[in-house]
């Protein structure tokens, strides 16, 4: 299960960074 949980966690973090954190700093991707 951990082998599956690791890439899922990375995708979630990447999505959060792109959808929430970067726009707050005015970064458009």
Protein backbone atom coordinates (compact mmCIF):
# COMPACT_ATOMS: atom_id res chain seq x y z
CA UNK A 1 0.00 0.00 0.00
CA UNK A 2 2.83 2.40 0.78
CA UNK A 3 4.16 2.01 -2.75
CA UNK A 4 0.82 3.36 -3.97
CA UNK A 5 0.45 5.97 -1.23
CA UNK A 6 3.77 7.68 -2.03
CA UNK A 7 3.01 8.72 -5.65
CA UNK A 8 -0.54 9.66 -4.66
CA UNK A 9 0.81 11.93 -1.95
CA UNK A 10 3.20 13.58 -4.42
CA UNK A 11 0.34 14.20 -6.86
CA UNK A 12 -1.82 15.71 -4.13
CA UNK A 13 0.97 18.02 -2.99
CA UNK A 14 1.72 19.04 -6.59
CA UNK A 15 -1.97 19.76 -7.23
CA UNK A 16 -2.28 21.84 -4.07
CA UNK A 17 0.85 23.82 -4.96
CA UNK A 18 -0.41 24.55 -8.47
CA UNK A 19 -4.03 25.26 -7.52
CA UNK A 20 -3.57 27.26 -4.30
CA UNK A 21 -0.04 28.24 -3.29
CA UNK A 22 1.31 29.49 -6.63
CA UNK A 23 -1.70 31.72 -7.46
CA UNK A 24 -1.37 33.32 -4.01
CA UNK A 25 2.12 34.45 -5.02
CA UNK A 26 0.88 35.64 -8.41
CA UNK A 27 2.54 32.80 -10.31
CA UNK A 28 0.66 31.68 -13.40
CA UNK A 29 1.44 28.21 -14.71
